[in-house]
Amino acid sequence: MRQPAALRSGALGAARNVGRPVLAAARAVGAVAVFALRGVAAVVTPPWFPGQALRQFVAIGFFSLPVVGLTAVFTGAALALNIFSGGGRFNAEQVMPQIVALGITRELGPVLAALMLAGRVSAAIAAEIGAMRATEQIDAMRTLSTDPFRYLVAPRLVAAVLSLPLLTLVADTIGIAGGWLVAVRVLGFNATVYIRNTATFLQGWDVGSGLVKATVFGFIVALMGCYHGYCASGGARGVGRATTHAVVSSAILIFASDYLLTTLFTHR
């Protein structure tokens, strides 16, 4: 028995409504994957542009130190207060130094440093490359036989991957110092005991796992900035959209990859 034409049309319309976003998402994932592979190929094969990479390293890493440091010190201080207050319900205030150190090194240090970098660096990369796309400078590079992936994308990927672990080390140190400052000056902890408990409890993998995360996050931040800037279209409005999309997609991928890496590390 044949179905009525209206019913068949409605079913096809519903399938199209479901299929369109799925296909669009698949195309976007494929485009980002191809872009990432081209970027990695430009990193590992000559010619290289070390001067450009060094400039990006300074712009991404050195100039991000103030915002990362301020974020870390206030996060460590607030974490210490919250853990001390919550631990008081179970008479577990004395484990506060260990929990602060573990939370900072494994999770908050790399994630917060990456989010600060996403807001500051990924947006700047997307705006810069998007403006070059809008003014046809990227097309001019190709005309002059300069590969945009080697000159624009590869140096930024290298700089972000190298600088974010270093920023994470700074964030870990300053965050733990912020917790120590609050614990000693506000909560009445002994300074020497606090430092000894922290140093005794922390293991190398606690810091190492955070640095592995930071390396992945750095790649994500630079990749999203380069991808959205490179694919920008529509003039100034398109550059603005690319900047917004770079920050949002970086943040989402940072949280998603953080969960996946944490799951992997906890089952190692």
Foldseek 3Di string as FASTA:
>chain_A
DDDDPVVVVVVVVVVCVVVVVVVVVVVVVVVLVVLLVLLVVLQPDDDADVVLLVVLLCVLFVVLLVVLLVVLLVLLQVQLVVCLVVCVVVVRNVCSLQVSLLCLQQPVLLLVLLLSSLLPPLLVLLLVLLQCVQVVVCVVCVVVVHHCSRNRQNSQLVSLLVRQLVSSVSSSVSNSVSSLCCCVVPVPDDSVVSVVSNVVNDDPVSNVLSSVLSNVLSNLSSSLSNVLSNPFDDPPVSSVVSSVRSSVSSSVVSVVVSVVSVVVVVVD
